[in-house]
């Protein structure tokens, strides 16, 4: 790892540009050259060339391609931490300069689906009322993507369920409340008669994908009940998609965080199955970069999150 010392120490290689780090981080987040290129408004050949330039400067291979996608090499895993910390520090510095120059402030918040439906709307309205000069951006997405963007500095904080320990290394987490996963169906679905997890195999199951925060705990719940992964399933984190499919098809059940469907259950549009999902209970909270000094808007938004989570 001597090259890391040369890059981030006194002899930092000046050939490394911001575009190199941005491209590398985007590919690592998306695990796909195509998706990363779309995010950065580049062509695939252009982003591939940028990565090759970076690898040439470093003198090491950062990523390996395979049929399943893109994977970081051991050197790539190490370099990603430094790259994202560097870009995050630079973005933070630029925002600080703009703030001292009298420009309007900005706050970028990542929100997992379980908080987008209730806690984030209330907090956002309260925040913009008391901070009219700060531009608030809310970004919804899967856990892996939001956490990667938080590390890179393109998000100031992320609100949602705590994921697996290895996914939140280097981040701070402040719990707000706990919630469990529920299994729901529409009111006239035959699934409402189900009393055992293995009986769900008779239905189409909307299931959390691999990069979601609840995937591992749902898997543990099924394993503890002797149930294999459902063969007839669709994997998605989209609340709009899940709601549309379940409400339109009585043969579909949806495994999802309670916060996503709490209003649907209260309104009678969806009904919770009588299955014990208490073991899936986990903390929902605020994730930030460990050691980073939060901006005034970040602190203000966090205060409102604490206050409103206690009231709801």
C-alpha atoms as a PDB file:
ATOM      1  CA  UNK A   1       0.000   0.000   0.000  1.00  0.00           C
ATOM      2  CA  UNK A   2       2.962   2.340  -0.405  1.00  0.00           C
ATOM      3  CA  UNK A   3       1.206   4.084  -3.283  1.00  0.00           C
ATOM      4  CA  UNK A   4      -1.419   5.375  -0.828  1.00  0.00           C
ATOM      5  CA  UNK A   5       1.269   7.151   1.151  1.00  0.00           C
ATOM      6  CA  UNK A   6       2.576   8.781  -2.016  1.00  0.00           C
ATOM      7  CA  UNK A   7      -0.907   9.875  -3.043  1.00  0.00           C
ATOM      8  CA  UNK A   8      -2.316  11.152   0.220  1.00  0.00           C
ATOM      9  CA  UNK A   9       0.878  12.117   1.963  1.00  0.00           C
ATOM     10  CA  UNK A  10       3.317  14.943   1.200  1.00  0.00           C
ATOM     11  CA  UNK A  11       3.978  13.672  -2.321  1.00  0.00           C
ATOM     12  CA  UNK A  12       0.410  13.503  -3.562  1.00  0.00           C
ATOM     13  CA  UNK A  13       0.364  12.783  -7.294  1.00  0.00           C
ATOM     14  CA  UNK A  14      -1.028  15.899  -8.957  1.00  0.00           C
ATOM     15  CA  UNK A  15      -2.177  13.905 -11.975  1.00  0.00           C
ATOM     16  CA  UNK A  16      -5.163  12.691  -9.942  1.00  0.00           C
ATOM     17  CA  UNK A  17      -8.154  14.896 -10.710  1.00  0.00           C
ATOM     18  CA  UNK A  18     -11.561  15.246  -9.150  1.00  0.00           C
ATOM     19  CA  UNK A  19     -13.080  13.514 -12.222  1.00  0.00           C
ATOM     20  CA  UNK A  20     -10.968  10.424 -11.522  1.00  0.00           C
ATOM     21  CA  UNK A  21     -12.247  10.117  -7.963  1.00  0.00           C
ATOM     22  CA  UNK A  22     -15.845  10.871  -8.949  1.00  0.00           C
ATOM     23  CA  UNK A  23     -15.807   8.250 -11.702  1.00  0.00           C
ATOM     24  CA  UNK A  24     -14.201   5.631  -9.466  1.00  0.00           C
ATOM     25  CA  UNK A  25     -16.691   6.252  -6.635  1.00  0.00           C
ATOM     26  CA  UNK A  26     -19.661   6.177  -9.021  1.00  0.00           C
ATOM     27  CA  UNK A  27     -18.610   2.831 -10.512  1.00  0.00           C
ATOM     28  CA  UNK A  28     -18.028   1.393  -7.036  1.00  0.00           C
ATOM     29  CA  UNK A  29     -21.469   2.566  -5.870  1.00  0.00           C
ATOM     30  CA  UNK A  30     -23.352   1.367  -8.941  1.00  0.00           C
ATOM     31  CA  UNK A  31     -21.254  -1.780  -9.479  1.00  0.00           C
ATOM     32  CA  UNK A  32     -21.801  -1.107 -13.164  1.00  0.00           C
ATOM     33  CA  UNK A  33     -19.997   1.003 -15.767  1.00  0.00           C
ATOM     34  CA  UNK A  34     -23.277   1.663 -17.573  1.00  0.00           C
ATOM     35  CA  UNK A  35     -25.163   2.921 -14.497  1.00  0.00           C
ATOM     36  CA  UNK A  36     -22.185   5.005 -13.326  1.00  0.00           C
ATOM     37  CA  UNK A  37     -21.828   6.588 -16.764  1.00  0.00           C
ATOM     38  CA  UNK A  38     -25.530   7.523 -16.754  1.00  0.00           C
ATOM     39  CA  UNK A  39     -25.221   9.095 -13.291  1.00  0.00           C
ATOM     40  CA  UNK A  40     -22.301  11.263 -14.410  1.00  0.00           C
ATOM     41  CA  UNK A  41     -23.753  11.994 -17.882  1.00  0.00           C
ATOM     42  CA  UNK A  42     -20.798  10.275 -19.568  1.00  0.00           C
ATOM     43  CA  UNK A  43     -20.446   7.526 -22.155  1.00  0.00           C
ATOM     44  CA  UNK A  44     -19.284   4.071 -21.066  1.00  0.00           C
ATOM     45  CA  UNK A  45     -16.020   4.375 -23.051  1.00  0.00           C
ATOM     46  CA  UNK A  46     -15.343   7.737 -21.370  1.00  0.00           C
ATOM     47  CA  UNK A  47     -15.842   6.506 -17.820  1.00  0.00           C
ATOM     48  CA  UNK A  48     -13.878   3.315 -18.572  1.00  0.00           C
ATOM     49  CA  UNK A  49     -11.009   5.439 -19.905  1.00  0.00           C
ATOM     50  CA  UNK A  50     -11.095   7.623 -16.774  1.00  0.00           C
ATOM     51  CA  UNK A  51     -10.805   4.557 -14.549  1.00  0.00           C
ATOM     52  CA  UNK A  52      -7.900   3.207 -16.608  1.00  0.00           C
ATOM     53  CA  UNK A  53      -6.150   6.581 -16.268  1.00  0.00           C
ATOM     54  CA  UNK A  54      -6.544   6.429 -12.493  1.00  0.00           C
ATOM     55  CA  UNK A  55      -5.269   2.842 -12.335  1.00  0.00           C
ATOM     56  CA  UNK A  56      -2.317   3.867 -14.493  1.00  0.00           C
ATOM     57  CA  UNK A  57      -1.447   6.721 -12.145  1.00  0.00           C
ATOM     58  CA  UNK A  58      -1.732   4.472  -9.098  1.00  0.00           C
ATOM     59  CA  UNK A  59       0.030   1.546 -10.702  1.00  0.00           C
ATOM     60  CA  UNK A  60      -2.542  -0.952  -9.477  1.00  0.00           C
ATOM     61  CA  UNK A  61      -5.847  -2.522 -10.543  1.00  0.00           C
ATOM     62  CA  UNK A  62      -8.811  -1.104  -8.606  1.00  0.00           C
ATOM     63  CA  UNK A  63     -11.661  -3.030 -10.193  1.00  0.00           C
ATOM     64  CA  UNK A  64     -12.260  -6.299 -11.935  1.00  0.00           C
ATOM     65  CA  UNK A  65     -15.042  -6.962 -14.420  1.00  0.00           C
ATOM     66  CA  UNK A  66     -17.017 -10.197 -14.550  1.00  0.00           C
ATOM     67  CA  UNK A  67     -20.340 -11.456 -15.893  1.00  0.00           C
ATOM     68  CA  UNK A  68     -21.959 -10.525 -12.580  1.00  0.00           C
ATOM     69  CA  UNK A  69     -20.762  -6.910 -12.758  1.00  0.00           C
ATOM     70  CA  UNK A  70     -17.874  -4.952 -11.313  1.00  0.00           C
ATOM     71  CA  UNK A  71     -16.002  -5.878  -8.118  1.00  0.00           C
ATOM     72  CA  UNK A  72     -13.403  -3.932  -6.172  1.00  0.00           C
ATOM     73  CA  UNK A  73      -9.986  -5.499  -5.741  1.00  0.00           C
ATOM     74  CA  UNK A  74      -8.403  -5.384  -2.247  1.00  0.00           C
ATOM     75  CA  UNK A  75      -6.494  -2.253  -3.316  1.00  0.00           C
ATOM     76  CA  UNK A  76      -9.739  -0.825  -4.661  1.00  0.00           C
ATOM     77  CA  UNK A  77     -11.488  -1.381  -1.322  1.00  0.00           C
ATOM     78  CA  UNK A  78      -8.752   0.560   0.479  1.00  0.00           C
ATOM     79  CA  UNK A  79      -8.544   3.358  -2.085  1.00  0.00           C
ATOM     80  CA  UNK A  80     -12.338   3.855  -2.105  1.00  0.00           C
ATOM     81  CA  UNK A  81     -12.282   4.971   1.537  1.00  0.00           C
ATOM     82  CA  UNK A  82      -9.612   7.599   0.833  1.00  0.00           C
ATOM     83  CA  UNK A  83     -11.239   8.727  -2.418  1.00  0.00           C
ATOM     84  CA  UNK A  84     -14.650   9.273  -0.873  1.00  0.00           C
ATOM     85  CA  UNK A  85     -13.205  10.993   2.198  1.00  0.00           C
ATOM     86  CA  UNK A  86     -11.247  13.335  -0.071  1.00  0.00           C
ATOM     87  CA  UNK A  87     -14.200  14.279  -2.273  1.00  0.00           C
ATOM     88  CA  UNK A  88     -16.416  14.695   0.790  1.00  0.00           C
ATOM     89  CA  UNK A  89     -13.912  17.076   2.401  1.00  0.00           C
ATOM     90  CA  UNK A  90     -13.614  19.105  -0.801  1.00  0.00           C
ATOM     91  CA  UNK A  91     -17.385  19.417  -1.231  1.00  0.00           C
ATOM     92  CA  UNK A  92     -17.760  20.398   2.414  1.00  0.00           C
ATOM     93  CA  UNK A  93     -15.117  23.076   1.952  1.00  0.00           C
ATOM     94  CA  UNK A  94     -16.825  24.480  -1.136  1.00  0.00           C
ATOM     95  CA  UNK A  95     -20.182  24.645   0.652  1.00  0.00           C
ATOM     96  CA  UNK A  96     -18.529  26.409   3.587  1.00  0.00           C
ATOM     97  CA  UNK A  97     -16.986  29.001   1.250  1.00  0.00           C
ATOM     98  CA  UNK A  98     -20.323  29.666  -0.407  1.00  0.00           C
ATOM     99  CA  UNK A  99     -21.971  30.061   2.986  1.00  0.00           C
ATOM    100  CA  UNK A 100     -19.412  32.624   4.170  1.00  0.00           C
ATOM    101  CA  UNK A 101     -19.763  34.450   0.850  1.00  0.00           C
ATOM    102  CA  UNK A 102     -23.390  35.160   1.650  1.00  0.00           C
ATOM    103  CA  UNK A 103     -24.896  32.584  -0.721  1.00  0.00           C
ATOM    104  CA  UNK A 104     -27.956  30.626   0.277  1.00  0.00           C
ATOM    105  CA  UNK A 105     -27.258  27.431   2.204  1.00  0.00           C
ATOM    106  CA  UNK A 106     -27.995  23.943   0.966  1.00  0.00           C
ATOM    107  CA  UNK A 107     -28.826  20.660   2.678  1.00  0.00           C
ATOM    108  CA  UNK A 108     -28.906  17.282   0.939  1.00  0.00           C
ATOM    109  CA  UNK A 109     -30.732  14.537   2.828  1.00  0.00           C
ATOM    110  CA  UNK A 110     -30.922  10.884   1.864  1.00  0.00           C
ATOM    111  CA  UNK A 111     -34.087   9.092   2.959  1.00  0.00           C
ATOM    112  CA  UNK A 112     -34.828   5.385   2.934  1.00  0.00           C
ATOM    113  CA  UNK A 113     -38.390   4.387   1.921  1.00  0.00           C
ATOM    114  CA  UNK A 114     -39.469   3.674   5.510  1.00  0.00           C
ATOM    115  CA  UNK A 115     -39.122   7.345   6.502  1.00  0.00           C
ATOM    116  CA  UNK A 116     -40.101   9.056   3.242  1.00  0.00           C
ATOM    117  CA  UNK A 117     -43.812   8.483   3.860  1.00  0.00           C
ATOM    118  CA  UNK A 118     -44.145  10.064   7.302  1.00  0.00           C
ATOM    119  CA  UNK A 119     -41.134  11.438   9.209  1.00  0.00           C
ATOM    120  CA  UNK A 120     -39.326  13.179   6.339  1.00  0.00           C
ATOM    121  CA  UNK A 121     -42.335  15.164   5.000  1.00  0.00           C
ATOM    122  CA  UNK A 122     -43.112  16.592   8.443  1.00  0.00           C
ATOM    123  CA  UNK A 123     -39.480  17.406   9.140  1.00  0.00           C
ATOM    124  CA  UNK A 124     -38.974  18.982   5.716  1.00  0.00           C
ATOM    125  CA  UNK A 125     -41.961  21.311   6.066  1.00  0.00           C
ATOM    126  CA  UNK A 126     -40.859  22.377   9.543  1.00  0.00           C
ATOM    127  CA  UNK A 127     -37.263  22.853   8.385  1.00  0.00           C
ATOM    128  CA  UNK A 128     -38.055  24.993   5.327  1.00  0.00           C
ATOM    129  CA  UNK A 129     -40.415  27.122   7.424  1.00  0.00           C
ATOM    130  CA  UNK A 130     -37.697  27.943   9.960  1.00  0.00           C
ATOM    131  CA  UNK A 131     -34.814  27.976   7.427  1.00  0.00           C
ATOM    132  CA  UNK A 132     -36.195  29.762   4.342  1.00  0.00           C
ATOM    133  CA  UNK A 133     -32.720  30.621   3.007  1.00  0.00           C
ATOM    134  CA  UNK A 134     -31.581  26.999   2.867  1.00  0.00           C
ATOM    135  CA  UNK A 135     -32.304  24.918  -0.213  1.00  0.00           C
ATOM    136  CA  UNK A 136     -33.397  21.454   0.918  1.00  0.00           C
ATOM    137  CA  UNK A 137     -32.936  18.425  -1.341  1.00  0.00           C
ATOM    138  CA  UNK A 138     -34.480  15.051  -0.450  1.00  0.00           C
ATOM    139  CA  UNK A 139     -33.045  11.988  -2.191  1.00  0.00           C
ATOM    140  CA  UNK A 140     -34.837   8.648  -1.846  1.00  0.00           C
ATOM    141  CA  UNK A 141     -33.018   5.449  -2.689  1.00  0.00           C
ATOM    142  CA  UNK A 142     -31.753   2.038  -1.574  1.00  0.00           C
ATOM    143  CA  UNK A 143     -29.527   1.716   1.477  1.00  0.00           C
ATOM    144  CA  UNK A 144     -26.291   0.910  -0.387  1.00  0.00           C
ATOM    145  CA  UNK A 145     -26.607   3.860  -2.759  1.00  0.00           C
ATOM    146  CA  UNK A 146     -27.463   6.426  -0.075  1.00  0.00           C
ATOM    147  CA  UNK A 147     -24.673   5.268   2.235  1.00  0.00           C
ATOM    148  CA  UNK A 148     -22.139   5.471  -0.594  1.00  0.00           C
ATOM    149  CA  UNK A 149     -23.276   8.978  -1.454  1.00  0.00           C
ATOM    150  CA  UNK A 150     -23.047   9.967   2.195  1.00  0.00           C
ATOM    151  CA  UNK A 151     -19.452   8.740   2.338  1.00  0.00           C
ATOM    152  CA  UNK A 152     -18.570  10.627  -0.840  1.00  0.00           C
ATOM    153  CA  UNK A 153     -20.005  13.872   0.521  1.00  0.00           C
ATOM    154  CA  UNK A 154     -22.829  14.238  -2.002  1.00  0.00           C
ATOM    155  CA  UNK A 155     -25.290  13.811   0.890  1.00  0.00           C
ATOM    156  CA  UNK A 156     -25.072  15.549   4.273  1.00  0.00           C
ATOM    157  CA  UNK A 157     -26.973  12.915   6.240  1.00  0.00           C
ATOM    158  CA  UNK A 158     -29.099   9.834   5.670  1.00  0.00           C
ATOM    159  CA  UNK A 159     -32.240   8.929   7.588  1.00  0.00           C
ATOM    160  CA  UNK A 160     -33.415   5.348   7.754  1.00  0.00           C
ATOM    161  CA  UNK A 161     -32.912   1.907   9.117  1.00  0.00           C
ATOM    162  CA  UNK A 162     -29.460   0.829  10.244  1.00  0.00           C
ATOM    163  CA  UNK A 163     -28.044  -1.751   7.845  1.00  0.00           C
ATOM    164  CA  UNK A 164     -25.569  -4.556   8.418  1.00  0.00           C
ATOM    165  CA  UNK A 165     -22.519  -3.484  10.474  1.00  0.00           C
ATOM    166  CA  UNK A 166     -20.101  -3.865   7.553  1.00  0.00           C
ATOM    167  CA  UNK A 167     -22.153  -1.425   5.443  1.00  0.00           C
ATOM    168  CA  UNK A 168     -21.908   1.459   7.918  1.00  0.00           C
ATOM    169  CA  UNK A 169     -18.197   1.342   8.770  1.00  0.00           C
ATOM    170  CA  UNK A 170     -16.848   4.852   9.254  1.00  0.00           C
ATOM    171  CA  UNK A 171     -20.289   6.344   9.807  1.00  0.00           C
ATOM    172  CA  UNK A 172     -22.022   7.642  12.902  1.00  0.00           C
ATOM    173  CA  UNK A 173     -25.543   6.472  13.785  1.00  0.00           C
ATOM    174  CA  UNK A 174     -28.017   8.138  16.146  1.00  0.00           C
ATOM    175  CA  UNK A 175     -31.138   6.018  16.762  1.00  0.00           C
ATOM    176  CA  UNK A 176     -34.524   7.738  16.729  1.00  0.00           C
ATOM    177  CA  UNK A 177     -36.990   4.857  17.139  1.00  0.00           C
ATOM    178  CA  UNK A 178     -37.475   1.173  16.316  1.00  0.00           C
ATOM    179  CA  UNK A 179     -39.743  -0.439  13.759  1.00  0.00           C
ATOM    180  CA  UNK A 180     -40.350  -3.926  12.461  1.00  0.00           C
ATOM    181  CA  UNK A 181     -40.950  -5.472   9.079  1.00  0.00           C
ATOM    182  CA  UNK A 182     -44.544  -6.404   8.236  1.00  0.00           C
ATOM    183  CA  UNK A 183     -46.190  -8.582   5.606  1.00  0.00           C
ATOM    184  CA  UNK A 184     -49.240  -7.022   3.964  1.00  0.00           C
ATOM    185  CA  UNK A 185     -51.830  -7.801   1.297  1.00  0.00           C
ATOM    186  CA  UNK A 186     -54.955  -6.128   0.019  1.00  0.00           C
ATOM    187  CA  UNK A 187     -58.160  -6.536   2.120  1.00  0.00           C
ATOM    188  CA  UNK A 188     -59.758  -9.265  -0.033  1.00  0.00           C
ATOM    189  CA  UNK A 189     -56.612 -11.367  -0.467  1.00  0.00           C
ATOM    190  CA  UNK A 190     -56.667 -15.052   0.426  1.00  0.00           C
ATOM    191  CA  UNK A 191     -53.255 -14.466   2.012  1.00  0.00           C
ATOM    192  CA  UNK A 192     -54.976 -12.964   5.067  1.00  0.00           C
ATOM    193  CA  UNK A 193     -55.828 -16.520   6.141  1.00  0.00           C
ATOM    194  CA  UNK A 194     -52.131 -17.495   6.225  1.00  0.00           C
ATOM    195  CA  UNK A 195     -50.862 -18.456   9.694  1.00  0.00           C
ATOM    196  CA  UNK A 196     -47.459 -19.938   8.818  1.00  0.00           C
ATOM    197  CA  UNK A 197     -44.554 -18.464   6.867  1.00  0.00           C
ATOM    198  CA  UNK A 198     -44.171 -21.485   4.580  1.00  0.00           C
ATOM    199  CA  UNK A 199     -47.746 -20.939   3.307  1.00  0.00           C
ATOM    200  CA  UNK A 200     -46.552 -17.723   1.640  1.00  0.00           C
ATOM    201  CA  UNK A 201     -44.979 -19.882  -1.076  1.00  0.00           C
ATOM    202  CA  UNK A 202     -48.460 -20.108  -2.626  1.00  0.00           C
ATOM    203  CA  UNK A 203     -48.387 -16.362  -3.368  1.00  0.00           C
ATOM    204  CA  UNK A 204     -46.292 -13.908  -5.315  1.00  0.00           C
ATOM    205  CA  UNK A 205     -43.956 -12.215  -2.820  1.00  0.00           C
ATOM    206  CA  UNK A 206     -42.535  -8.701  -3.093  1.00  0.00           C
ATOM    207  CA  UNK A 207     -39.178  -9.174  -1.396  1.00  0.00           C
ATOM    208  CA  UNK A 208     -36.403  -6.771  -0.293  1.00  0.00           C
ATOM    209  CA  UNK A 209     -33.412  -6.839  -2.698  1.00  0.00           C
ATOM    210  CA  UNK A 210     -29.829  -7.568  -1.692  1.00  0.00           C
ATOM    211  CA  UNK A 211     -28.805  -3.939  -1.221  1.00  0.00           C
ATOM    212  CA  UNK A 212     -31.727  -3.084   1.097  1.00  0.00           C
ATOM    213  CA  UNK A 213     -31.285  -2.584   4.840  1.00  0.00           C
ATOM    214  CA  UNK A 214     -33.910  -5.186   5.776  1.00  0.00           C
ATOM    215  CA  UNK A 215     -32.842  -8.024   3.447  1.00  0.00           C
ATOM    216  CA  UNK A 216     -30.633  -9.816   5.975  1.00  0.00           C
ATOM    217  CA  UNK A 217     -33.111  -9.644   8.867  1.00  0.00           C
ATOM    218  CA  UNK A 218     -35.959 -10.910   6.695  1.00  0.00           C
ATOM    219  CA  UNK A 219     -33.714 -13.762   5.561  1.00  0.00           C
ATOM    220  CA  UNK A 220     -32.907 -14.631   9.194  1.00  0.00           C
ATOM    221  CA  UNK A 221     -36.621 -14.632  10.060  1.00  0.00           C
ATOM    222  CA  UNK A 222     -37.415 -17.074   7.263  1.00  0.00           C
ATOM    223  CA  UNK A 223     -34.452 -19.319   8.084  1.00  0.00           C
ATOM    224  CA  UNK A 224     -35.529 -19.473  11.728  1.00  0.00           C
ATOM    225  CA  UNK A 225     -38.940 -20.653  10.521  1.00  0.00           C
ATOM    226  CA  UNK A 226     -37.431 -23.223   8.144  1.00  0.00           C
ATOM    227  CA  UNK A 227     -38.569 -21.370   5.016  1.00  0.00           C
ATOM    228  CA  UNK A 228     -36.312 -21.166   1.909  1.00  0.00           C
ATOM    229  CA  UNK A 229     -36.162 -18.095  -0.321  1.00  0.00           C
ATOM    230  CA  UNK A 230     -39.474 -17.794  -2.180  1.00  0.00           C
ATOM    231  CA  UNK A 231     -39.345 -18.981  -5.777  1.00  0.00           C
ATOM    232  CA  UNK A 232     -42.186 -16.749  -6.976  1.00  0.00           C
ATOM    233  CA  UNK A 233     -40.856 -13.340  -5.943  1.00  0.00           C
ATOM    234  CA  UNK A 234     -40.134  -9.866  -7.262  1.00  0.00           C
ATOM    235  CA  UNK A 235     -37.347  -7.916  -5.574  1.00  0.00           C
ATOM    236  CA  UNK A 236     -37.782  -4.162  -5.263  1.00  0.00           C
ATOM    237  CA  UNK A 237     -37.406  -1.258  -2.819  1.00  0.00           C
ATOM    238  CA  UNK A 238     -39.877   0.959  -4.670  1.00  0.00           C
ATOM    239  CA  UNK A 239     -42.804   1.917  -2.459  1.00  0.00           C
ATOM    240  CA  UNK A 240     -44.846   3.131  -5.431  1.00  0.00           C
ATOM    241  CA  UNK A 241     -44.268  -0.131  -7.309  1.00  0.00           C
ATOM    242  CA  UNK A 242     -45.030  -2.294  -4.273  1.00  0.00           C
ATOM    243  CA  UNK A 243     -48.206  -0.412  -3.464  1.00  0.00           C
ATOM    244  CA  UNK A 244     -49.447  -0.615  -7.062  1.00  0.00           C
ATOM    245  CA  UNK A 245     -48.779  -4.344  -7.414  1.00  0.00           C
ATOM    246  CA  UNK A 246     -50.306  -5.381  -4.079  1.00  0.00           C
ATOM    247  CA  UNK A 247     -53.401  -3.212  -4.413  1.00  0.00           C
ATOM    248  CA  UNK A 248     -53.913  -4.486  -7.955  1.00  0.00           C
ATOM    249  CA  UNK A 249     -53.331  -8.193  -7.317  1.00  0.00           C
ATOM    250  CA  UNK A 250     -54.887 -10.230  -4.507  1.00  0.00           C
ATOM    251  CA  UNK A 251     -52.346 -12.996  -5.057  1.00  0.00           C
ATOM    252  CA  UNK A 252     -49.386 -10.822  -4.018  1.00  0.00           C
ATOM    253  CA  UNK A 253     -48.015 -10.194  -0.523  1.00  0.00           C
ATOM    254  CA  UNK A 254     -45.461  -7.527   0.346  1.00  0.00           C
ATOM    255  CA  UNK A 255     -42.634  -7.826   2.884  1.00  0.00           C
ATOM    256  CA  UNK A 256     -41.722  -4.263   3.822  1.00  0.00           C
ATOM    257  CA  UNK A 257     -40.787  -1.939   6.710  1.00  0.00           C
ATOM    258  CA  UNK A 258     -43.862  -0.828   8.651  1.00  0.00           C
ATOM    259  CA  UNK A 259     -43.101   2.847   8.072  1.00  0.00           C
ATOM    260  CA  UNK A 260     -43.591   2.462   4.318  1.00  0.00           C
ATOM    261  CA  UNK A 261     -47.163   1.149   4.625  1.00  0.00           C
ATOM    262  CA  UNK A 262     -48.322   2.556   7.994  1.00  0.00           C
ATOM    263  CA  UNK A 263     -50.742   4.997   6.362  1.00  0.00           C
ATOM    264  CA  UNK A 264     -52.057   2.351   3.960  1.00  0.00           C
ATOM    265  CA  UNK A 265     -52.787   0.033   6.883  1.00  0.00           C
ATOM    266  CA  UNK A 266     -54.452   2.831   8.876  1.00  0.00           C
ATOM    267  CA  UNK A 267     -56.638   3.721   5.870  1.00  0.00           C
ATOM    268  CA  UNK A 268     -57.605   0.080   5.292  1.00  0.00           C
ATOM    269  CA  UNK A 269     -56.036  -0.091   1.824  1.00  0.00           C
ATOM    270  CA  UNK A 270     -53.636  -2.812   2.993  1.00  0.00           C
ATOM    271  CA  UNK A 271     -53.972  -5.356   5.798  1.00  0.00           C
ATOM    272  CA  UNK A 272     -51.193  -6.861   7.887  1.00  0.00           C
ATOM    273  CA  UNK A 273     -50.972 -10.656   7.898  1.00  0.00           C
ATOM    274  CA  UNK A 274     -51.197 -12.415  11.250  1.00  0.00           C
ATOM    275  CA  UNK A 275     -47.569 -13.572  11.300  1.00  0.00           C
ATOM    276  CA  UNK A 276     -45.043 -12.872  14.050  1.00  0.00           C
ATOM    277  CA  UNK A 277     -42.416 -10.509  12.620  1.00  0.00           C
ATOM    278  CA  UNK A 278     -41.300  -9.070  15.977  1.00  0.00           C
ATOM    279  CA  UNK A 279     -37.737 -10.482  15.544  1.00  0.00           C
ATOM    280  CA  UNK A 280     -37.248  -8.055  12.629  1.00  0.00           C
ATOM    281  CA  UNK A 281     -37.503  -4.971  14.846  1.00  0.00           C
ATOM    282  CA  UNK A 282     -34.550  -2.627  14.335  1.00  0.00           C
ATOM    283  CA  UNK A 283     -33.384   0.944  14.835  1.00  0.00           C
ATOM    284  CA  UNK A 284     -34.242   3.811  12.499  1.00  0.00           C
ATOM    285  CA  UNK A 285     -32.031   6.843  12.860  1.00  0.00           C
ATOM    286  CA  UNK A 286     -29.658   9.467  11.500  1.00  0.00           C
ATOM    287  CA  UNK A 287     -26.465   8.449   9.714  1.00  0.00           C
ATOM    288  CA  UNK A 288     -23.591  10.895   9.265  1.00  0.00           C
ATOM    289  CA  UNK A 289     -19.900  10.737   8.395  1.00  0.00           C
ATOM    290  CA  UNK A 290     -17.935   9.906  11.545  1.00  0.00           C
ATOM    291  CA  UNK A 291     -15.674  12.752  12.607  1.00  0.00           C
ATOM    292  CA  UNK A 292     -17.211  15.282  10.192  1.00  0.00           C
ATOM    293  CA  UNK A 293     -18.268  18.657  11.575  1.00  0.00           C
ATOM    294  CA  UNK A 294     -21.975  19.041  10.713  1.00  0.00           C
ATOM    295  CA  UNK A 295     -23.137  22.278   9.134  1.00  0.00           C
ATOM    296  CA  UNK A 296     -25.735  24.491  10.804  1.00  0.00           C
ATOM    297  CA  UNK A 297     -28.521  23.240   8.459  1.00  0.00           C
ATOM    298  CA  UNK A 298     -27.543  19.641   9.177  1.00  0.00           C
ATOM    299  CA  UNK A 299     -27.771  20.239  12.923  1.00  0.00           C
ATOM    300  CA  UNK A 300     -31.118  22.027  12.548  1.00  0.00           C
ATOM    301  CA  UNK A 301     -32.614  19.187  10.479  1.00  0.00           C
ATOM    302  CA  UNK A 302     -31.357  16.599  12.971  1.00  0.00           C
ATOM    303  CA  UNK A 303     -32.936  18.503  15.870  1.00  0.00           C
ATOM    304  CA  UNK A 304     -36.304  18.478  14.098  1.00  0.00           C
ATOM    305  CA  UNK A 305     -35.971  14.766  13.368  1.00  0.00           C
ATOM    306  CA  UNK A 306     -35.437  14.074  17.069  1.00  0.00           C
ATOM    307  CA  UNK A 307     -38.355  16.238  18.088  1.00  0.00           C
ATOM    308  CA  UNK A 308     -40.857  14.896  15.561  1.00  0.00           C
ATOM    309  CA  UNK A 309     -39.840  11.253  16.057  1.00  0.00           C
ATOM    310  CA  UNK A 310     -40.698  11.633  19.753  1.00  0.00           C
ATOM    311  CA  UNK A 311     -44.086  13.144  18.921  1.00  0.00           C
ATOM    312  CA  UNK A 312     -45.187  10.567  16.351  1.00  0.00           C
END
